[in-house]
């Protein structure tokens, strides 16, 4: 008997999956009101919109550190990375010296090599 895959109705690229992982990760940890406040802060203080975050991850992460502190930013970053890896269907592996930016870059590299160029939203 052949196993068939169900084709999802909508698809997203890597950047959209990353933004969705940011929404879900921060929303889960801190609530969606904090998430919305963070987006307003990023837009007004760093001229960084939600959709531009994937191109300016370093600015995004620096804003997390300046607003929440270094250790909380690490926790937030790890949660975002876990959400992203789950969304992409990748195995998340945590290493002590792996930074948030390294983790996201690794996910992108694995995604480009192993995964379909499109992923499902809201998984």
PDB file of N, CA and C in Angstrom:
ATOM      1  N   UNK A   1       0.844  -1.177   0.000  1.00  0.00           N
ATOM      2  CA  UNK A   1       0.000   0.000   0.000  1.00  0.00           C
ATOM      3  C   UNK A   1       0.894   1.246   0.000  1.00  0.00           C
ATOM      4  N   UNK A   2       0.626   2.179  -0.869  1.00  0.00           N
ATOM      5  CA  UNK A   2       1.406   3.410  -0.983  1.00  0.00           C
ATOM      6  C   UNK A   2       0.922   4.429   0.037  1.00  0.00           C
ATOM      7  N   UNK A   3       1.861   5.168   0.572  1.00  0.00           N
ATOM      8  CA  UNK A   3       1.532   6.249   1.506  1.00  0.00           C
ATOM      9  C   UNK A   3       1.440   7.528   0.693  1.00  0.00           C
ATOM     10  N   UNK A   4       0.352   8.226   0.855  1.00  0.00           N
ATOM     11  CA  UNK A   4       0.186   9.487   0.132  1.00  0.00           C
ATOM     12  C   UNK A   4       0.325  10.650   1.090  1.00  0.00           C
ATOM     13  N   UNK A   5       0.828  11.735   0.564  1.00  0.00           N
ATOM     14  CA  UNK A   5       0.926  12.948   1.362  1.00  0.00           C
ATOM     15  C   UNK A   5      -0.259  13.826   1.036  1.00  0.00           C
ATOM     16  N   UNK A   6      -0.817  14.435   2.065  1.00  0.00           N
ATOM     17  CA  UNK A   6      -1.893  15.398   1.847  1.00  0.00           C
ATOM     18  C   UNK A   6      -1.263  16.742   1.546  1.00  0.00           C
ATOM     19  N   UNK A   7      -1.693  17.326   0.494  1.00  0.00           N
ATOM     20  CA  UNK A   7      -1.142  18.611   0.096  1.00  0.00           C
ATOM     21  C   UNK A   7      -1.832  19.729   0.870  1.00  0.00           C
ATOM     22  N   UNK A   8      -1.066  20.573   1.566  1.00  0.00           N
ATOM     23  CA  UNK A   8      -1.682  21.673   2.297  1.00  0.00           C
ATOM     24  C   UNK A   8      -2.293  22.700   1.347  1.00  0.00           C
ATOM     25  N   UNK A   9      -3.227  23.457   1.872  1.00  0.00           N
ATOM     26  CA  UNK A   9      -3.936  24.445   1.059  1.00  0.00           C
ATOM     27  C   UNK A   9      -3.092  25.673   0.758  1.00  0.00           C
ATOM     28  N   UNK A  10      -2.262  26.087   1.699  1.00  0.00           N
ATOM     29  CA  UNK A  10      -1.465  27.296   1.540  1.00  0.00           C
ATOM     30  C   UNK A  10      -0.006  26.955   1.805  1.00  0.00           C
ATOM     31  N   UNK A  11       0.866  27.759   1.256  1.00  0.00           N
ATOM     32  CA  UNK A  11       2.292  27.555   1.447  1.00  0.00           C
ATOM     33  C   UNK A  11       2.960  28.867   1.826  1.00  0.00           C
ATOM     34  N   UNK A  12       4.085  28.745   2.491  1.00  0.00           N
ATOM     35  CA  UNK A  12       4.899  29.896   2.870  1.00  0.00           C
ATOM     36  C   UNK A  12       6.357  29.592   2.560  1.00  0.00           C
ATOM     37  N   UNK A  13       7.157  30.617   2.363  1.00  0.00           N
ATOM     38  CA  UNK A  13       8.592  30.450   2.214  1.00  0.00           C
ATOM     39  C   UNK A  13       9.281  30.512   3.564  1.00  0.00           C
ATOM     40  N   UNK A  14      10.603  30.398   3.566  1.00  0.00           N
ATOM     41  CA  UNK A  14      11.378  30.387   4.804  1.00  0.00           C
ATOM     42  C   UNK A  14      11.144  31.653   5.632  1.00  0.00           C
ATOM     43  N   UNK A  15      11.225  32.815   5.000  1.00  0.00           N
ATOM     44  CA  UNK A  15      11.070  34.067   5.745  1.00  0.00           C
ATOM     45  C   UNK A  15       9.707  34.165   6.419  1.00  0.00           C
ATOM     46  N   UNK A  16       8.656  33.740   5.724  1.00  0.00           N
ATOM     47  CA  UNK A  16       7.327  33.759   6.324  1.00  0.00           C
ATOM     48  C   UNK A  16       7.247  32.774   7.493  1.00  0.00           C
ATOM     49  N   UNK A  17       7.887  31.622   7.336  1.00  0.00           N
ATOM     50  CA  UNK A  17       7.908  30.644   8.424  1.00  0.00           C
ATOM     51  C   UNK A  17       8.646  31.209   9.632  1.00  0.00           C
ATOM     52  N   UNK A  18       9.728  31.957   9.390  1.00  0.00           N
ATOM     53  CA  UNK A  18      10.483  32.570  10.486  1.00  0.00           C
ATOM     54  C   UNK A  18       9.640  33.613  11.210  1.00  0.00           C
ATOM     55  N   UNK A  19       8.968  34.467  10.472  1.00  0.00           N
ATOM     56  CA  UNK A  19       8.116  35.489  11.099  1.00  0.00           C
ATOM     57  C   UNK A  19       7.001  34.821  11.903  1.00  0.00           C
ATOM     58  N   UNK A  20       6.429  33.758  11.361  1.00  0.00           N
ATOM     59  CA  UNK A  20       5.388  33.026  12.085  1.00  0.00           C
ATOM     60  C   UNK A  20       5.964  32.399  13.364  1.00  0.00           C
ATOM     61  N   UNK A  21       7.189  31.881  13.290  1.00  0.00           N
ATOM     62  CA  UNK A  21       7.832  31.298  14.475  1.00  0.00           C
ATOM     63  C   UNK A  21       8.091  32.376  15.526  1.00  0.00           C
ATOM     64  N   UNK A  22       8.449  33.572  15.091  1.00  0.00           N
ATOM     65  CA  UNK A  22       8.640  34.692  16.023  1.00  0.00           C
ATOM     66  C   UNK A  22       7.309  35.026  16.700  1.00  0.00           C
ATOM     67  N   UNK A  23       6.250  35.121  15.909  1.00  0.00           N
ATOM     68  CA  UNK A  23       4.922  35.401  16.461  1.00  0.00           C
ATOM     69  C   UNK A  23       4.536  34.363  17.519  1.00  0.00           C
ATOM     70  N   UNK A  24       4.681  33.106  17.149  1.00  0.00           N
ATOM     71  CA  UNK A  24       4.268  32.023  18.052  1.00  0.00           C
ATOM     72  C   UNK A  24       5.171  31.920  19.283  1.00  0.00           C
ATOM     73  N   UNK A  25       6.472  32.025  19.062  1.00  0.00           N
ATOM     74  CA  UNK A  25       7.413  31.893  20.175  1.00  0.00           C
ATOM     75  C   UNK A  25       7.239  32.978  21.221  1.00  0.00           C
ATOM     76  N   UNK A  26       7.228  34.217  20.775  1.00  0.00           N
ATOM     77  CA  UNK A  26       7.067  35.335  21.715  1.00  0.00           C
ATOM     78  C   UNK A  26       5.651  35.343  22.279  1.00  0.00           C
ATOM     79  N   UNK A  27       4.674  35.051  21.446  1.00  0.00           N
ATOM     80  CA  UNK A  27       3.286  34.995  21.914  1.00  0.00           C
ATOM     81  C   UNK A  27       3.102  33.974  23.019  1.00  0.00           C
ATOM     82  N   UNK A  28       3.740  32.807  22.862  1.00  0.00           N
ATOM     83  CA  UNK A  28       3.629  31.757  23.884  1.00  0.00           C
ATOM     84  C   UNK A  28       4.312  32.149  25.183  1.00  0.00           C
ATOM     85  N   UNK A  29       5.500  32.717  25.057  1.00  0.00           N
ATOM     86  CA  UNK A  29       6.264  33.057  26.264  1.00  0.00           C
ATOM     87  C   UNK A  29       5.751  34.293  26.990  1.00  0.00           C
ATOM     88  N   UNK A  30       5.428  35.329  26.232  1.00  0.00           N
ATOM     89  CA  UNK A  30       5.159  36.637  26.841  1.00  0.00           C
ATOM     90  C   UNK A  30       3.759  37.173  26.583  1.00  0.00           C
ATOM     91  N   UNK A  31       3.043  36.542  25.689  1.00  0.00           N
ATOM     92  CA  UNK A  31       1.698  37.001  25.354  1.00  0.00           C
ATOM     93  C   UNK A  31       1.701  37.862  24.107  1.00  0.00           C
ATOM     94  N   UNK A  32       0.560  37.929  23.480  1.00  0.00           N
ATOM     95  CA  UNK A  32       0.463  38.625  22.209  1.00  0.00           C
ATOM     96  C   UNK A  32       0.440  40.145  22.349  1.00  0.00           C
ATOM     97  N   UNK A  33       0.073  40.652  23.525  1.00  0.00           N
ATOM     98  CA  UNK A  33       0.150  42.103  23.732  1.00  0.00           C
ATOM     99  C   UNK A  33       1.605  42.559  23.773  1.00  0.00           C
ATOM    100  N   UNK A  34       2.454  41.760  24.423  1.00  0.00           N
ATOM    101  CA  UNK A  34       3.892  42.064  24.448  1.00  0.00           C
ATOM    102  C   UNK A  34       4.460  41.973  23.034  1.00  0.00           C
ATOM    103  N   UNK A  35       4.043  40.970  22.293  1.00  0.00           N
ATOM    104  CA  UNK A  35       4.494  40.809  20.911  1.00  0.00           C
ATOM    105  C   UNK A  35       4.149  42.046  20.079  1.00  0.00           C
ATOM    106  N   UNK A  36       2.921  42.502  20.176  1.00  0.00           N
ATOM    107  CA  UNK A  36       2.506  43.688  19.420  1.00  0.00           C
ATOM    108  C   UNK A  36       3.283  44.925  19.867  1.00  0.00           C
ATOM    109  N   UNK A  37       3.516  45.048  21.167  1.00  0.00           N
ATOM    110  CA  UNK A  37       4.309  46.178  21.667  1.00  0.00           C
ATOM    111  C   UNK A  37       5.734  46.122  21.138  1.00  0.00           C
ATOM    112  N   UNK A  38       6.288  44.928  21.054  1.00  0.00           N
ATOM    113  CA  UNK A  38       7.642  44.760  20.509  1.00  0.00           C
ATOM    114  C   UNK A  38       7.685  45.186  19.046  1.00  0.00           C
ATOM    115  N   UNK A  39       6.671  44.823  18.269  1.00  0.00           N
ATOM    116  CA  UNK A  39       6.646  45.215  16.860  1.00  0.00           C
ATOM    117  C   UNK A  39       6.544  46.736  16.708  1.00  0.00           C
ATOM    118  N   UNK A  40       5.773  47.373  17.566  1.00  0.00           N
ATOM    119  CA  UNK A  40       5.683  48.833  17.534  1.00  0.00           C
ATOM    120  C   UNK A  40       7.044  49.442  17.874  1.00  0.00           C
ATOM    121  N   UNK A  41       7.696  48.910  18.910  1.00  0.00           N
ATOM    122  CA  UNK A  41       9.027  49.383  19.297  1.00  0.00           C
ATOM    123  C   UNK A  41      10.022  49.209  18.148  1.00  0.00           C
ATOM    124  N   UNK A  42      10.033  48.035  17.527  1.00  0.00           N
ATOM    125  CA  UNK A  42      10.959  47.786  16.417  1.00  0.00           C
ATOM    126  C   UNK A  42      10.724  48.755  15.271  1.00  0.00           C
ATOM    127  N   UNK A  43       9.461  49.026  14.993  1.00  0.00           N
ATOM    128  CA  UNK A  43       9.127  49.928  13.895  1.00  0.00           C
ATOM    129  C   UNK A  43       9.525  51.367  14.209  1.00  0.00           C
ATOM    130  N   UNK A  44       9.221  51.829  15.418  1.00  0.00           N
ATOM    131  CA  UNK A  44       9.480  53.232  15.748  1.00  0.00           C
ATOM    132  C   UNK A  44      10.933  53.502  16.125  1.00  0.00           C
ATOM    133  N   UNK A  45      11.575  52.584  16.809  1.00  0.00           N
ATOM    134  CA  UNK A  45      12.943  52.814  17.288  1.00  0.00           C
ATOM    135  C   UNK A  45      14.034  52.290  16.350  1.00  0.00           C
ATOM    136  N   UNK A  46      13.704  51.293  15.559  1.00  0.00           N
ATOM    137  CA  UNK A  46      14.718  50.670  14.689  1.00  0.00           C
ATOM    138  C   UNK A  46      14.318  50.682  13.214  1.00  0.00           C
ATOM    139  N   UNK A  47      13.179  51.289  12.909  1.00  0.00           N
ATOM    140  CA  UNK A  47      12.679  51.340  11.538  1.00  0.00           C
ATOM    141  C   UNK A  47      12.670  49.942  10.915  1.00  0.00           C
ATOM    142  N   UNK A  48      12.187  48.990  11.701  1.00  0.00           N
ATOM    143  CA  UNK A  48      12.186  47.582  11.303  1.00  0.00           C
ATOM    144  C   UNK A  48      10.759  47.044  11.403  1.00  0.00           C
ATOM    145  N   UNK A  49      10.171  46.717  10.254  1.00  0.00           N
ATOM    146  CA  UNK A  49       8.825  46.153  10.261  1.00  0.00           C
ATOM    147  C   UNK A  49       8.893  44.646  10.473  1.00  0.00           C
ATOM    148  N   UNK A  50       7.778  44.081  10.790  1.00  0.00           N
ATOM    149  CA  UNK A  50       7.655  42.640  11.037  1.00  0.00           C
ATOM    150  C   UNK A  50       8.192  41.830   9.859  1.00  0.00           C
ATOM    151  N   UNK A  51       7.823  42.205   8.654  1.00  0.00           N
ATOM    152  CA  UNK A  51       8.240  41.474   7.451  1.00  0.00           C
ATOM    153  C   UNK A  51       9.724  41.647   7.137  1.00  0.00           C
ATOM    154  N   UNK A  52      10.355  42.692   7.669  1.00  0.00           N
ATOM    155  CA  UNK A  52      11.780  42.937   7.405  1.00  0.00           C
ATOM    156  C   UNK A  52      12.704  42.203   8.387  1.00  0.00           C
ATOM    157  N   UNK A  53      12.139  41.623   9.423  1.00  0.00           N
ATOM    158  CA  UNK A  53      12.949  40.961  10.445  1.00  0.00           C
ATOM    159  C   UNK A  53      13.882  39.900   9.863  1.00  0.00           C
ATOM    160  N   UNK A  54      13.429  39.023   8.953  1.00  0.00           N
ATOM    161  CA  UNK A  54      14.346  38.007   8.435  1.00  0.00           C
ATOM    162  C   UNK A  54      15.618  38.572   7.793  1.00  0.00           C
ATOM    163  N   UNK A  55      15.536  39.768   7.207  1.00  0.00           N
ATOM    164  CA  UNK A  55      16.720  40.374   6.597  1.00  0.00           C
ATOM    165  C   UNK A  55      17.586  41.114   7.612  1.00  0.00           C
ATOM    166  N   UNK A  56      17.045  41.381   8.795  1.00  0.00           N
ATOM    167  CA  UNK A  56      17.785  42.134   9.814  1.00  0.00           C
ATOM    168  C   UNK A  56      17.681  41.436  11.177  1.00  0.00           C
ATOM    169  N   UNK A  57      17.994  40.156  11.179  1.00  0.00           N
ATOM    170  CA  UNK A  57      17.884  39.372  12.416  1.00  0.00           C
ATOM    171  C   UNK A  57      18.780  39.894  13.525  1.00  0.00           C
ATOM    172  N   UNK A  58      19.949  40.409  13.163  1.00  0.00           N
ATOM    173  CA  UNK A  58      20.848  40.926  14.186  1.00  0.00           C
ATOM    174  C   UNK A  58      20.213  42.110  14.915  1.00  0.00           C
ATOM    175  N   UNK A  59      19.571  43.006  14.186  1.00  0.00           N
ATOM    176  CA  UNK A  59      18.875  44.150  14.806  1.00  0.00           C
ATOM    177  C   UNK A  59      17.729  43.655  15.683  1.00  0.00           C
ATOM    178  N   UNK A  60      16.980  42.686  15.191  1.00  0.00           N
ATOM    179  CA  UNK A  60      15.887  42.109  15.956  1.00  0.00           C
ATOM    180  C   UNK A  60      16.400  41.520  17.273  1.00  0.00           C
ATOM    181  N   UNK A  61      17.463  40.734  17.207  1.00  0.00           N
ATOM    182  CA  UNK A  61      17.971  40.089  18.416  1.00  0.00           C
ATOM    183  C   UNK A  61      18.568  41.109  19.393  1.00  0.00           C
ATOM    184  N   UNK A  62      19.240  42.119  18.871  1.00  0.00           N
ATOM    185  CA  UNK A  62      19.759  43.184  19.738  1.00  0.00           C
ATOM    186  C   UNK A  62      18.614  43.888  20.469  1.00  0.00           C
ATOM    187  N   UNK A  63      17.486  44.078  19.787  1.00  0.00           N
ATOM    188  CA  UNK A  63      16.310  44.691  20.419  1.00  0.00           C
ATOM    189  C   UNK A  63      15.765  43.788  21.519  1.00  0.00           C
ATOM    190  N   UNK A  64      15.771  42.475  21.290  1.00  0.00           N
ATOM    191  CA  UNK A  64      15.343  41.545  22.351  1.00  0.00           C
ATOM    192  C   UNK A  64      16.249  41.682  23.566  1.00  0.00           C
ATOM    193  N   UNK A  65      17.551  41.710  23.338  1.00  0.00           N
ATOM    194  CA  UNK A  65      18.502  41.823  24.451  1.00  0.00           C
ATOM    195  C   UNK A  65      18.345  43.149  25.190  1.00  0.00           C
ATOM    196  N   UNK A  66      18.157  44.237  24.456  1.00  0.00           N
ATOM    197  CA  UNK A  66      18.055  45.538  25.130  1.00  0.00           C
ATOM    198  C   UNK A  66      16.733  45.696  25.877  1.00  0.00           C
ATOM    199  N   UNK A  67      15.688  45.047  25.402  1.00  0.00           N
ATOM    200  CA  UNK A  67      14.383  45.168  26.053  1.00  0.00           C
ATOM    201  C   UNK A  67      14.173  44.174  27.184  1.00  0.00           C
ATOM    202  N   UNK A  68      14.682  42.965  27.032  1.00  0.00           N
ATOM    203  CA  UNK A  68      14.386  41.900  27.994  1.00  0.00           C
ATOM    204  C   UNK A  68      15.595  41.428  28.787  1.00  0.00           C
ATOM    205  N   UNK A  69      16.802  41.771  28.345  1.00  0.00           N
ATOM    206  CA  UNK A  69      18.013  41.303  28.999  1.00  0.00           C
ATOM    207  C   UNK A  69      18.622  40.135  28.221  1.00  0.00           C
ATOM    208  N   UNK A  70      19.892  39.859  28.493  1.00  0.00           N
ATOM    209  CA  UNK A  70      20.634  38.852  27.731  1.00  0.00           C
ATOM    210  C   UNK A  70      20.053  37.452  27.939  1.00  0.00           C
ATOM    211  N   UNK A  71      19.880  37.026  29.169  1.00  0.00           N
ATOM    212  CA  UNK A  71      19.375  35.669  29.427  1.00  0.00           C
ATOM    213  C   UNK A  71      17.943  35.474  28.925  1.00  0.00           C
ATOM    214  N   UNK A  72      17.025  36.399  29.208  1.00  0.00           N
ATOM    215  CA  UNK A  72      15.683  36.242  28.653  1.00  0.00           C
ATOM    216  C   UNK A  72      15.684  36.230  27.120  1.00  0.00           C
ATOM    217  N   UNK A  73      16.551  37.039  26.495  1.00  0.00           N
ATOM    218  CA  UNK A  73      16.630  37.043  25.031  1.00  0.00           C
ATOM    219  C   UNK A  73      17.085  35.678  24.514  1.00  0.00           C
ATOM    220  N   UNK A  74      17.987  35.029  25.244  1.00  0.00           N
ATOM    221  CA  UNK A  74      18.418  33.678  24.852  1.00  0.00           C
ATOM    222  C   UNK A  74      17.254  32.700  24.912  1.00  0.00           C
ATOM    223  N   UNK A  75      16.456  32.801  25.958  1.00  0.00           N
ATOM    224  CA  UNK A  75      15.280  31.929  26.093  1.00  0.00           C
ATOM    225  C   UNK A  75      14.281  32.198  24.973  1.00  0.00           C
ATOM    226  N   UNK A  76      14.035  33.465  24.689  1.00  0.00           N
ATOM    227  CA  UNK A  76      13.118  33.834  23.612  1.00  0.00           C
ATOM    228  C   UNK A  76      13.659  33.324  22.278  1.00  0.00           C
ATOM    229  N   UNK A  77      14.941  33.530  22.050  1.00  0.00           N
ATOM    230  CA  UNK A  77      15.557  33.077  20.802  1.00  0.00           C
ATOM    231  C   UNK A  77      15.486  31.567  20.635  1.00  0.00           C
ATOM    232  N   UNK A  78      15.735  30.842  21.711  1.00  0.00           N
ATOM    233  CA  UNK A  78      15.652  29.377  21.662  1.00  0.00           C
ATOM    234  C   UNK A  78      14.225  28.926  21.349  1.00  0.00           C
ATOM    235  N   UNK A  79      13.240  29.575  21.951  1.00  0.00           N
ATOM    236  CA  UNK A  79      11.840  29.231  21.697  1.00  0.00           C
ATOM    237  C   UNK A  79      11.459  29.523  20.243  1.00  0.00           C
ATOM    238  N   UNK A  80      11.913  30.653  19.718  1.00  0.00           N
ATOM    239  CA  UNK A  80      11.650  30.986  18.310  1.00  0.00           C
ATOM    240  C   UNK A  80      12.297  29.936  17.406  1.00  0.00           C
ATOM    241  N   UNK A  81      13.544  29.581  17.696  1.00  0.00           N
ATOM    242  CA  UNK A  81      14.246  28.579  16.886  1.00  0.00           C
ATOM    243  C   UNK A  81      13.522  27.237  16.926  1.00  0.00           C
ATOM    244  N   UNK A  82      13.065  26.830  18.104  1.00  0.00           N
ATOM    245  CA  UNK A  82      12.335  25.568  18.221  1.00  0.00           C
ATOM    246  C   UNK A  82      11.058  25.597  17.385  1.00  0.00           C
ATOM    247  N   UNK A  83      10.342  26.705  17.435  1.00  0.00           N
ATOM    248  CA  UNK A  83       9.121  26.864  16.632  1.00  0.00           C
ATOM    249  C   UNK A  83       9.446  26.791  15.136  1.00  0.00           C
ATOM    250  N   UNK A  84      10.517  27.447  14.747  1.00  0.00           N
ATOM    251  CA  UNK A  84      10.902  27.449  13.337  1.00  0.00           C
ATOM    252  C   UNK A  84      11.267  26.046  12.861  1.00  0.00           C
ATOM    253  N   UNK A  85      12.083  25.355  13.627  1.00  0.00           N
ATOM    254  CA  UNK A  85      12.497  24.003  13.248  1.00  0.00           C
ATOM    255  C   UNK A  85      11.269  23.087  13.159  1.00  0.00           C
ATOM    256  N   UNK A  86      10.361  23.206  14.112  1.00  0.00           N
ATOM    257  CA  UNK A  86       9.151  22.393  14.081  1.00  0.00           C
ATOM    258  C   UNK A  86       8.348  22.681  12.823  1.00  0.00           C
ATOM    259  N   UNK A  87       8.192  23.953  12.534  1.00  0.00           N
ATOM    260  CA  UNK A  87       7.415  24.373  11.372  1.00  0.00           C
ATOM    261  C   UNK A  87       8.030  23.848  10.081  1.00  0.00           C
ATOM    262  N   UNK A  88       9.356  23.800  10.018  1.00  0.00           N
ATOM    263  CA  UNK A  88      10.048  23.342   8.816  1.00  0.00           C
ATOM    264  C   UNK A  88      10.187  21.823   8.763  1.00  0.00           C
ATOM    265  N   UNK A  89       9.784  21.157   9.838  1.00  0.00           N
ATOM    266  CA  UNK A  89       9.907  19.701   9.882  1.00  0.00           C
ATOM    267  C   UNK A  89      11.333  19.240  10.114  1.00  0.00           C
ATOM    268  N   UNK A  90      12.135  20.080  10.772  1.00  0.00           N
ATOM    269  CA  UNK A  90      13.528  19.760  11.059  1.00  0.00           C
ATOM    270  C   UNK A  90      13.691  19.398  12.527  1.00  0.00           C
ATOM    271  N   UNK A  91      14.708  18.615  12.815  1.00  0.00           N
ATOM    272  CA  UNK A  91      15.022  18.241  14.192  1.00  0.00           C
ATOM    273  C   UNK A  91      15.830  19.373  14.837  1.00  0.00           C
ATOM    274  N   UNK A  92      15.311  19.925  15.934  1.00  0.00           N
ATOM    275  CA  UNK A  92      16.025  20.995  16.640  1.00  0.00           C
ATOM    276  C   UNK A  92      17.059  20.378  17.562  1.00  0.00           C
ATOM    277  N   UNK A  93      18.298  20.817  17.416  1.00  0.00           N
ATOM    278  CA  UNK A  93      19.380  20.364  18.283  1.00  0.00           C
ATOM    279  C   UNK A  93      19.988  21.585  18.950  1.00  0.00           C
ATOM    280  N   UNK A  94      20.034  21.544  20.249  1.00  0.00           N
ATOM    281  CA  UNK A  94      20.543  22.684  21.008  1.00  0.00           C
ATOM    282  C   UNK A  94      21.986  22.422  21.412  1.00  0.00           C
ATOM    283  N   UNK A  95      22.839  23.383  21.124  1.00  0.00           N
ATOM    284  CA  UNK A  95      24.248  23.316  21.487  1.00  0.00           C
ATOM    285  C   UNK A  95      24.572  24.511  22.373  1.00  0.00           C
ATOM    286  N   UNK A  96      25.419  24.324  23.379  1.00  0.00           N
ATOM    287  CA  UNK A  96      25.682  25.409  24.337  1.00  0.00           C
ATOM    288  C   UNK A  96      26.174  26.708  23.700  1.00  0.00           C
ATOM    289  N   UNK A  97      27.009  26.644  22.692  1.00  0.00           N
ATOM    290  CA  UNK A  97      27.598  27.858  22.117  1.00  0.00           C
ATOM    291  C   UNK A  97      26.906  28.332  20.843  1.00  0.00           C
ATOM    292  N   UNK A  98      25.820  27.694  20.485  1.00  0.00           N
ATOM    293  CA  UNK A  98      25.092  28.083  19.278  1.00  0.00           C
ATOM    294  C   UNK A  98      24.222  29.299  19.581  1.00  0.00           C
ATOM    295  N   UNK A  99      24.458  30.380  18.860  1.00  0.00           N
ATOM    296  CA  UNK A  99      23.685  31.601  19.079  1.00  0.00           C
ATOM    297  C   UNK A  99      22.355  31.524  18.338  1.00  0.00           C
ATOM    298  N   UNK A 100      21.476  32.444  18.651  1.00  0.00           N
ATOM    299  CA  UNK A 100      20.196  32.539  17.952  1.00  0.00           C
ATOM    300  C   UNK A 100      20.424  32.697  16.450  1.00  0.00           C
ATOM    301  N   UNK A 101      21.315  33.617  16.086  1.00  0.00           N
ATOM    302  CA  UNK A 101      21.562  33.865  14.666  1.00  0.00           C
ATOM    303  C   UNK A 101      22.134  32.630  13.984  1.00  0.00           C
ATOM    304  N   UNK A 102      23.047  31.923  14.655  1.00  0.00           N
ATOM    305  CA  UNK A 102      23.605  30.681  14.103  1.00  0.00           C
ATOM    306  C   UNK A 102      22.516  29.630  13.931  1.00  0.00           C
ATOM    307  N   UNK A 103      21.644  29.537  14.905  1.00  0.00           N
ATOM    308  CA  UNK A 103      20.563  28.555  14.870  1.00  0.00           C
ATOM    309  C   UNK A 103      19.629  28.811  13.689  1.00  0.00           C
ATOM    310  N   UNK A 104      19.304  30.062  13.436  1.00  0.00           N
ATOM    311  CA  UNK A 104      18.422  30.404  12.328  1.00  0.00           C
ATOM    312  C   UNK A 104      19.134  30.166  11.004  1.00  0.00           C
ATOM    313  N   UNK A 105      20.401  30.526  10.930  1.00  0.00           N
ATOM    314  CA  UNK A 105      21.170  30.292   9.706  1.00  0.00           C
ATOM    315  C   UNK A 105      21.297  28.800   9.410  1.00  0.00           C
ATOM    316  N   UNK A 106      21.477  27.989  10.445  1.00  0.00           N
ATOM    317  CA  UNK A 106      21.539  26.542  10.279  1.00  0.00           C
ATOM    318  C   UNK A 106      20.204  26.012   9.755  1.00  0.00           C
ATOM    319  N   UNK A 107      19.112  26.521  10.309  1.00  0.00           N
ATOM    320  CA  UNK A 107      17.787  26.098   9.838  1.00  0.00           C
ATOM    321  C   UNK A 107      17.608  26.451   8.371  1.00  0.00           C
ATOM    322  N   UNK A 108      18.024  27.644   7.991  1.00  0.00           N
ATOM    323  CA  UNK A 108      17.886  28.066   6.592  1.00  0.00           C
ATOM    324  C   UNK A 108      18.715  27.175   5.677  1.00  0.00           C
ATOM    325  N   UNK A 109      19.917  26.877   6.094  1.00  0.00           N
ATOM    326  CA  UNK A 109      20.788  26.015   5.299  1.00  0.00           C
ATOM    327  C   UNK A 109      20.187  24.615   5.133  1.00  0.00           C
ATOM    328  N   UNK A 110      19.703  24.047   6.246  1.00  0.00           N
ATOM    329  CA  UNK A 110      19.071  22.725   6.185  1.00  0.00           C
ATOM    330  C   UNK A 110      17.821  22.763   5.325  1.00  0.00           C
ATOM    331  N   UNK A 111      17.045  23.808   5.483  1.00  0.00           N
ATOM    332  CA  UNK A 111      15.822  23.970   4.699  1.00  0.00           C
ATOM    333  C   UNK A 111      16.155  24.014   3.207  1.00  0.00           C
ATOM    334  N   UNK A 112      17.163  24.811   2.850  1.00  0.00           N
ATOM    335  CA  UNK A 112      17.551  24.941   1.447  1.00  0.00           C
ATOM    336  C   UNK A 112      18.044  23.612   0.875  1.00  0.00           C
ATOM    337  N   UNK A 113      18.709  22.807   1.701  1.00  0.00           N
ATOM    338  CA  UNK A 113      19.274  21.540   1.238  1.00  0.00           C
ATOM    339  C   UNK A 113      18.281  20.391   1.253  1.00  0.00           C
ATOM    340  N   UNK A 114      17.451  20.313   2.306  1.00  0.00           N
ATOM    341  CA  UNK A 114      16.668  19.109   2.546  1.00  0.00           C
ATOM    342  C   UNK A 114      15.174  19.242   2.300  1.00  0.00           C
ATOM    343  N   UNK A 115      14.657  20.441   2.390  1.00  0.00           N
ATOM    344  CA  UNK A 115      13.205  20.605   2.417  1.00  0.00           C
ATOM    345  C   UNK A 115      12.680  21.163   1.118  1.00  0.00           C
ATOM    346  N   UNK A 116      11.378  20.991   0.981  1.00  0.00           N
ATOM    347  CA  UNK A 116      10.672  21.629  -0.108  1.00  0.00           C
ATOM    348  C   UNK A 116      10.835  23.136   0.045  1.00  0.00           C
ATOM    349  N   UNK A 117      10.838  23.876  -1.055  1.00  0.00           N
ATOM    350  CA  UNK A 117      10.958  25.332  -0.938  1.00  0.00           C
ATOM    351  C   UNK A 117       9.726  25.984  -0.322  1.00  0.00           C
ATOM    352  N   UNK A 118       8.720  25.207  -0.036  1.00  0.00           N
ATOM    353  CA  UNK A 118       7.504  25.764   0.542  1.00  0.00           C
ATOM    354  C   UNK A 118       7.102  24.949   1.765  1.00  0.00           C
ATOM    355  N   UNK A 119       6.573  25.632   2.767  1.00  0.00           N
ATOM    356  CA  UNK A 119       6.117  24.971   3.985  1.00  0.00           C
ATOM    357  C   UNK A 119       4.688  25.383   4.293  1.00  0.00           C
ATOM    358  N   UNK A 120       4.062  24.635   5.150  1.00  0.00           N
ATOM    359  CA  UNK A 120       2.680  24.922   5.521  1.00  0.00           C
ATOM    360  C   UNK A 120       2.605  26.015   6.584  1.00  0.00           C
ATOM    361  N   UNK A 121       1.651  26.927   6.487  1.00  0.00           N
ATOM    362  CA  UNK A 121       1.434  27.896   7.561  1.00  0.00           C
ATOM    363  C   UNK A 121       0.644  27.251   8.691  1.00  0.00           C
ATOM    364  N   UNK A 122       0.763  27.828   9.863  1.00  0.00           N
ATOM    365  CA  UNK A 122      -0.050  27.461  11.017  1.00  0.00           C
ATOM    366  C   UNK A 122       0.035  25.992  11.385  1.00  0.00           C
ATOM    367  N   UNK A 123       1.193  25.395  11.218  1.00  0.00           N
ATOM    368  CA  UNK A 123       1.390  24.003  11.664  1.00  0.00           C
ATOM    369  C   UNK A 123       1.795  23.995  13.115  1.00  0.00           C
TER     370      UNK A 123
END
